[in-house]
Amino acid sequence: MTSPAIDASTESEIIEMALSDHVSFEDIRALHGLGPDEVKALMRSRLKTGSYRAWRKRVRDFGDRRAIYK
């Protein structure tokens, strides 16, 4: 799975959106054309390991509690 070339400002915006609890993966796909797997790969490559794990845990935990989350 290859993602298109993304400039630094767009990459920063995607990371900010992904870290927000109020923006879903579908919103990111609509704005930037990246699916959930591509967003996760971007986050894994740009965040520190511990930060990435904490983000994934939060997304998973909220997803288990709410019908619609990320």
PDB file of N, CA and C in Angstrom:
ATOM      1  N   MET A   1       0.845  -1.165   0.000  1.00  0.00           N
ATOM      2  CA  MET A   1       0.000   0.000   0.000  1.00  0.00           C
ATOM      3  C   MET A   1       0.895   1.234   0.000  1.00  0.00           C
ATOM      4  N   THR A   2       0.875   1.994  -1.056  1.00  0.00           N
ATOM      5  CA  THR A   2       1.701   3.182  -1.130  1.00  0.00           C
ATOM      6  C   THR A   2       0.822   4.415  -1.055  1.00  0.00           C
ATOM      7  N   SER A   3       1.251   5.380  -0.257  1.00  0.00           N
ATOM      8  CA  SER A   3       0.488   6.607  -0.142  1.00  0.00           C
ATOM      9  C   SER A   3       1.093   7.654  -1.062  1.00  0.00           C
ATOM     10  N   PRO A   4       0.265   8.570  -1.529  1.00  0.00           N
ATOM     11  CA  PRO A   4       0.782   9.611  -2.412  1.00  0.00           C
ATOM     12  C   PRO A   4       1.750  10.519  -1.648  1.00  0.00           C
ATOM     13  N   ALA A   5       2.602  11.214  -2.379  1.00  0.00           N
ATOM     14  CA  ALA A   5       3.544  12.137  -1.756  1.00  0.00           C
ATOM     15  C   ALA A   5       2.760  13.245  -1.062  1.00  0.00           C
ATOM     16  N   ILE A   6       3.082  13.475   0.203  1.00  0.00           N
ATOM     17  CA  ILE A   6       2.359  14.451   1.011  1.00  0.00           C
ATOM     18  C   ILE A   6       3.362  15.496   1.479  1.00  0.00           C
ATOM     19  N   ASP A   7       3.006  16.770   1.308  1.00  0.00           N
ATOM     20  CA  ASP A   7       3.920  17.806   1.786  1.00  0.00           C
ATOM     21  C   ASP A   7       3.831  17.921   3.316  1.00  0.00           C
ATOM     22  N   ALA A   8       4.777  18.611   3.909  1.00  0.00           N
ATOM     23  CA  ALA A   8       4.907  18.663   5.366  1.00  0.00           C
ATOM     24  C   ALA A   8       3.686  19.286   6.041  1.00  0.00           C
ATOM     25  N   SER A   9       3.121  20.321   5.453  1.00  0.00           N
ATOM     26  CA  SER A   9       1.970  20.964   6.091  1.00  0.00           C
ATOM     27  C   SER A   9       0.740  20.060   6.060  1.00  0.00           C
ATOM     28  N   THR A  10       0.543  19.343   4.957  1.00  0.00           N
ATOM     29  CA  THR A  10      -0.580  18.414   4.860  1.00  0.00           C
ATOM     30  C   THR A  10      -0.390  17.254   5.823  1.00  0.00           C
ATOM     31  N   GLU A  11       0.836  16.760   5.904  1.00  0.00           N
ATOM     32  CA  GLU A  11       1.150  15.676   6.828  1.00  0.00           C
ATOM     33  C   GLU A  11       0.861  16.100   8.265  1.00  0.00           C
ATOM     34  N   SER A  12       1.258  17.300   8.615  1.00  0.00           N
ATOM     35  CA  SER A  12       1.005  17.824   9.955  1.00  0.00           C
ATOM     36  C   SER A  12      -0.494  17.938  10.227  1.00  0.00           C
ATOM     37  N   GLU A  13      -1.256  18.381   9.233  1.00  0.00           N
ATOM     38  CA  GLU A  13      -2.703  18.502   9.378  1.00  0.00           C
ATOM     39  C   GLU A  13      -3.345  17.124   9.576  1.00  0.00           C
ATOM     40  N   ILE A  14      -2.894  16.134   8.831  1.00  0.00           N
ATOM     41  CA  ILE A  14      -3.439  14.775   8.962  1.00  0.00           C
ATOM     42  C   ILE A  14      -3.152  14.225  10.353  1.00  0.00           C
ATOM     43  N   ILE A  15      -1.937  14.421  10.842  1.00  0.00           N
ATOM     44  CA  ILE A  15      -1.581  13.942  12.181  1.00  0.00           C
ATOM     45  C   ILE A  15      -2.435  14.632  13.229  1.00  0.00           C
ATOM     46  N   GLU A  16      -2.611  15.936  13.105  1.00  0.00           N
ATOM     47  CA  GLU A  16      -3.445  16.679  14.048  1.00  0.00           C
ATOM     48  C   GLU A  16      -4.879  16.160  14.027  1.00  0.00           C
ATOM     49  N   MET A  17      -5.403  15.902  12.830  1.00  0.00           N
ATOM     50  CA  MET A  17      -6.767  15.380  12.715  1.00  0.00           C
ATOM     51  C   MET A  17      -6.871  13.991  13.339  1.00  0.00           C
ATOM     52  N   ALA A  18      -5.870  13.151  13.096  1.00  0.00           N
ATOM     53  CA  ALA A  18      -5.902  11.785  13.627  1.00  0.00           C
ATOM     54  C   ALA A  18      -5.821  11.784  15.150  1.00  0.00           C
ATOM     55  N   LEU A  19      -5.078  12.711  15.713  1.00  0.00           N
ATOM     56  CA  LEU A  19      -4.952  12.781  17.168  1.00  0.00           C
ATOM     57  C   LEU A  19      -6.214  13.328  17.826  1.00  0.00           C
ATOM     58  N   SER A  20      -7.041  14.041  17.068  1.00  0.00           N
ATOM     59  CA  SER A  20      -8.272  14.605  17.600  1.00  0.00           C
ATOM     60  C   SER A  20      -9.303  13.503  17.814  1.00  0.00           C
ATOM     61  N   ASP A  21     -10.022  13.602  18.907  1.00  0.00           N
ATOM     62  CA  ASP A  21     -11.083  12.634  19.178  1.00  0.00           C
ATOM     63  C   ASP A  21     -12.355  12.957  18.398  1.00  0.00           C
ATOM     64  N   HIS A  22     -12.383  14.104  17.732  1.00  0.00           N
ATOM     65  CA  HIS A  22     -13.596  14.559  17.065  1.00  0.00           C
ATOM     66  C   HIS A  22     -13.563  14.382  15.551  1.00  0.00           C
ATOM     67  N   VAL A  23     -12.485  13.857  15.006  1.00  0.00           N
ATOM     68  CA  VAL A  23     -12.354  13.686  13.561  1.00  0.00           C
ATOM     69  C   VAL A  23     -12.237  12.191  13.264  1.00  0.00           C
ATOM     70  N   SER A  24     -13.114  11.698  12.395  1.00  0.00           N
ATOM     71  CA  SER A  24     -13.103  10.267  12.073  1.00  0.00           C
ATOM     72  C   SER A  24     -12.147   9.980  10.921  1.00  0.00           C
ATOM     73  N   PHE A  25     -11.836   8.705  10.737  1.00  0.00           N
ATOM     74  CA  PHE A  25     -11.011   8.293   9.608  1.00  0.00           C
ATOM     75  C   PHE A  25     -11.708   8.633   8.288  1.00  0.00           C
ATOM     76  N   GLU A  26     -13.027   8.572   8.264  1.00  0.00           N
ATOM     77  CA  GLU A  26     -13.778   8.907   7.054  1.00  0.00           C
ATOM     78  C   GLU A  26     -13.621  10.380   6.695  1.00  0.00           C
ATOM     79  N   ASP A  27     -13.564  11.251   7.705  1.00  0.00           N
ATOM     80  CA  ASP A  27     -13.331  12.677   7.441  1.00  0.00           C
ATOM     81  C   ASP A  27     -11.948  12.891   6.838  1.00  0.00           C
ATOM     82  N   ILE A  28     -10.969  12.171   7.347  1.00  0.00           N
ATOM     83  CA  ILE A  28      -9.609  12.281   6.825  1.00  0.00           C
ATOM     84  C   ILE A  28      -9.572  11.768   5.379  1.00  0.00           C
ATOM     85  N   ARG A  29     -10.263  10.678   5.121  1.00  0.00           N
ATOM     86  CA  ARG A  29     -10.312  10.137   3.757  1.00  0.00           C
ATOM     87  C   ARG A  29     -10.962  11.146   2.804  1.00  0.00           C
ATOM     88  N   ALA A  30     -12.039  11.777   3.241  1.00  0.00           N
ATOM     89  CA  ALA A  30     -12.740  12.739   2.389  1.00  0.00           C
ATOM     90  C   ALA A  30     -11.864  13.945   2.056  1.00  0.00           C
ATOM     91  N   LEU A  31     -11.084  14.402   3.021  1.00  0.00           N
ATOM     92  CA  LEU A  31     -10.254  15.596   2.806  1.00  0.00           C
ATOM     93  C   LEU A  31      -8.928  15.300   2.109  1.00  0.00           C
ATOM     94  N   HIS A  32      -8.306  14.173   2.466  1.00  0.00           N
ATOM     95  CA  HIS A  32      -6.943  13.918   2.002  1.00  0.00           C
ATOM     96  C   HIS A  32      -6.773  12.619   1.211  1.00  0.00           C
ATOM     97  N   GLY A  33      -7.799  11.800   1.151  1.00  0.00           N
ATOM     98  CA  GLY A  33      -7.730  10.588   0.343  1.00  0.00           C
ATOM     99  C   GLY A  33      -6.947   9.446   0.974  1.00  0.00           C
ATOM    100  N   LEU A  34      -6.697   9.518   2.269  1.00  0.00           N
ATOM    101  CA  LEU A  34      -5.974   8.441   2.954  1.00  0.00           C
ATOM    102  C   LEU A  34      -6.950   7.605   3.773  1.00  0.00           C
ATOM    103  N   GLY A  35      -6.870   6.292   3.620  1.00  0.00           N
ATOM    104  CA  GLY A  35      -7.706   5.395   4.392  1.00  0.00           C
ATOM    105  C   GLY A  35      -7.122   5.159   5.779  1.00  0.00           C
ATOM    106  N   PRO A  36      -7.858   4.439   6.616  1.00  0.00           N
ATOM    107  CA  PRO A  36      -7.399   4.180   7.988  1.00  0.00           C
ATOM    108  C   PRO A  36      -6.021   3.525   8.057  1.00  0.00           C
ATOM    109  N   ASP A  37      -5.755   2.550   7.192  1.00  0.00           N
ATOM    110  CA  ASP A  37      -4.457   1.875   7.230  1.00  0.00           C
ATOM    111  C   ASP A  37      -3.321   2.824   6.865  1.00  0.00           C
ATOM    112  N   GLU A  38      -3.572   3.710   5.922  1.00  0.00           N
ATOM    113  CA  GLU A  38      -2.546   4.677   5.516  1.00  0.00           C
ATOM    114  C   GLU A  38      -2.314   5.719   6.606  1.00  0.00           C
ATOM    115  N   VAL A  39      -3.390   6.125   7.292  1.00  0.00           N
ATOM    116  CA  VAL A  39      -3.242   7.072   8.406  1.00  0.00           C
ATOM    117  C   VAL A  39      -2.438   6.418   9.527  1.00  0.00           C
ATOM    118  N   LYS A  40      -2.742   5.172   9.830  1.00  0.00           N
ATOM    119  CA  LYS A  40      -2.009   4.453  10.876  1.00  0.00           C
ATOM    120  C   LYS A  40      -0.535   4.320  10.515  1.00  0.00           C
ATOM    121  N   ALA A  41      -0.245   4.031   9.249  1.00  0.00           N
ATOM    122  CA  ALA A  41       1.153   3.920   8.804  1.00  0.00           C
ATOM    123  C   ALA A  41       1.867   5.264   8.927  1.00  0.00           C
ATOM    124  N   LEU A  42       1.190   6.343   8.563  1.00  0.00           N
ATOM    125  CA  LEU A  42       1.768   7.681   8.700  1.00  0.00           C
ATOM    126  C   LEU A  42       2.052   7.995  10.166  1.00  0.00           C
ATOM    127  N   MET A  43       1.084   7.703  11.008  1.00  0.00           N
ATOM    128  CA  MET A  43       1.247   7.962  12.445  1.00  0.00           C
ATOM    129  C   MET A  43       2.396   7.131  13.009  1.00  0.00           C
ATOM    130  N   ARG A  44       2.492   5.873  12.606  1.00  0.00           N
ATOM    131  CA  ARG A  44       3.565   5.000  13.093  1.00  0.00           C
ATOM    132  C   ARG A  44       4.936   5.545  12.691  1.00  0.00           C
ATOM    133  N   SER A  45       5.031   6.089  11.480  1.00  0.00           N
ATOM    134  CA  SER A  45       6.328   6.564  11.002  1.00  0.00           C
ATOM    135  C   SER A  45       6.705   7.933  11.580  1.00  0.00           C
ATOM    136  N   ARG A  46       5.738   8.711  11.999  1.00  0.00           N
ATOM    137  CA  ARG A  46       6.034  10.076  12.444  1.00  0.00           C
ATOM    138  C   ARG A  46       6.020  10.262  13.964  1.00  0.00           C
ATOM    139  N   LEU A  47       5.254   9.447  14.681  1.00  0.00           N
ATOM    140  CA  LEU A  47       5.197   9.588  16.133  1.00  0.00           C
ATOM    141  C   LEU A  47       6.254   8.715  16.800  1.00  0.00           C
ATOM    142  N   LYS A  48       6.613   9.077  18.015  1.00  0.00           N
ATOM    143  CA  LYS A  48       7.475   8.209  18.814  1.00  0.00           C
ATOM    144  C   LYS A  48       6.704   6.928  19.096  1.00  0.00           C
ATOM    145  N   THR A  49       7.413   5.863  19.339  1.00  0.00           N
ATOM    146  CA  THR A  49       6.782   4.555  19.547  1.00  0.00           C
ATOM    147  C   THR A  49       5.740   4.592  20.653  1.00  0.00           C
ATOM    148  N   GLY A  50       6.090   5.175  21.785  1.00  0.00           N
ATOM    149  CA  GLY A  50       5.155   5.246  22.910  1.00  0.00           C
ATOM    150  C   GLY A  50       3.934   6.089  22.597  1.00  0.00           C
ATOM    151  N   SER A  51       4.127   7.179  21.878  1.00  0.00           N
ATOM    152  CA  SER A  51       3.008   8.045  21.494  1.00  0.00           C
ATOM    153  C   SER A  51       2.080   7.324  20.533  1.00  0.00           C
ATOM    154  N   TYR A  52       2.658   6.588  19.586  1.00  0.00           N
ATOM    155  CA  TYR A  52       1.841   5.828  18.639  1.00  0.00           C
ATOM    156  C   TYR A  52       1.019   4.765  19.373  1.00  0.00           C
ATOM    157  N   ARG A  53       1.655   4.035  20.264  1.00  0.00           N
ATOM    158  CA  ARG A  53       0.939   2.986  21.014  1.00  0.00           C
ATOM    159  C   ARG A  53      -0.186   3.580  21.858  1.00  0.00           C
ATOM    160  N   ALA A  54       0.069   4.716  22.502  1.00  0.00           N
ATOM    161  CA  ALA A  54      -0.960   5.362  23.317  1.00  0.00           C
ATOM    162  C   ALA A  54      -2.134   5.814  22.444  1.00  0.00           C
ATOM    163  N   TRP A  55      -1.826   6.364  21.255  1.00  0.00           N
ATOM    164  CA  TRP A  55      -2.876   6.785  20.335  1.00  0.00           C
ATOM    165  C   TRP A  55      -3.710   5.604  19.870  1.00  0.00           C
ATOM    166  N   ARG A  56      -3.055   4.505  19.466  1.00  0.00           N
ATOM    167  CA  ARG A  56      -3.781   3.318  19.010  1.00  0.00           C
ATOM    168  C   ARG A  56      -4.637   2.731  20.128  1.00  0.00           C
ATOM    169  N   LYS A  57      -4.112   2.720  21.344  1.00  0.00           N
ATOM    170  CA  LYS A  57      -4.882   2.203  22.486  1.00  0.00           C
ATOM    171  C   LYS A  57      -6.116   3.067  22.714  1.00  0.00           C
ATOM    172  N   ARG A  58      -5.952   4.380  22.645  1.00  0.00           N
ATOM    173  CA  ARG A  58      -7.086   5.284  22.848  1.00  0.00           C
ATOM    174  C   ARG A  58      -8.135   5.084  21.751  1.00  0.00           C
ATOM    175  N   VAL A  59      -7.707   4.953  20.505  1.00  0.00           N
ATOM    176  CA  VAL A  59      -8.647   4.741  19.400  1.00  0.00           C
ATOM    177  C   VAL A  59      -9.378   3.417  19.580  1.00  0.00           C
ATOM    178  N   ARG A  60      -8.653   2.365  19.944  1.00  0.00           N
ATOM    179  CA  ARG A  60      -9.283   1.060  20.162  1.00  0.00           C
ATOM    180  C   ARG A  60     -10.258   1.103  21.328  1.00  0.00           C
ATOM    181  N   ASP A  61      -9.836   1.702  22.452  1.00  0.00           N
ATOM    182  CA  ASP A  61     -10.699   1.746  23.638  1.00  0.00           C
ATOM    183  C   ASP A  61     -11.980   2.533  23.368  1.00  0.00           C
ATOM    184  N   PHE A  62     -11.860   3.688  22.741  1.00  0.00           N
ATOM    185  CA  PHE A  62     -13.052   4.470  22.424  1.00  0.00           C
ATOM    186  C   PHE A  62     -13.924   3.746  21.414  1.00  0.00           C
ATOM    187  N   GLY A  63     -13.308   3.069  20.463  1.00  0.00           N
ATOM    188  CA  GLY A  63     -14.064   2.319  19.465  1.00  0.00           C
ATOM    189  C   GLY A  63     -14.875   1.197  20.092  1.00  0.00           C
ATOM    190  N   ASP A  64     -14.330   0.592  21.149  1.00  0.00           N
ATOM    191  CA  ASP A  64     -15.052  -0.470  21.840  1.00  0.00           C
ATOM    192  C   ASP A  64     -16.248   0.079  22.622  1.00  0.00           C
ATOM    193  N   ARG A  65     -16.139   1.308  23.106  1.00  0.00           N
ATOM    194  CA  ARG A  65     -17.196   1.894  23.924  1.00  0.00           C
ATOM    195  C   ARG A  65     -18.278   2.589  23.110  1.00  0.00           C
ATOM    196  N   ARG A  66     -17.931   3.082  21.916  1.00  0.00           N
ATOM    197  CA  ARG A  66     -18.898   3.841  21.118  1.00  0.00           C
ATOM    198  C   ARG A  66     -19.160   3.108  19.801  1.00  0.00           C
ATOM    199  N   ALA A  67     -20.385   3.250  19.337  1.00  0.00           N
ATOM    200  CA  ALA A  67     -20.741   2.603  18.069  1.00  0.00           C
ATOM    201  C   ALA A  67     -19.995   3.267  16.908  1.00  0.00           C
ATOM    202  N   ILE A  68     -19.844   4.577  16.952  1.00  0.00           N
ATOM    203  CA  ILE A  68     -19.160   5.292  15.871  1.00  0.00           C
ATOM    204  C   ILE A  68     -18.021   6.101  16.481  1.00  0.00           C
ATOM    205  N   TYR A  69     -16.814   5.697  16.192  1.00  0.00           N
ATOM    206  CA  TYR A  69     -15.621   6.422  16.611  1.00  0.00           C
ATOM    207  C   TYR A  69     -14.504   6.049  15.670  1.00  0.00           C
ATOM    208  N   LYS A  70     -13.895   7.018  15.095  1.00  0.00           N
ATOM    209  CA  LYS A  70     -12.778   6.861  14.152  1.00  0.00           C
ATOM    210  C   LYS A  70     -13.141   5.903  13.122  1.00  0.00           C
TER     211      LYS A  70
END
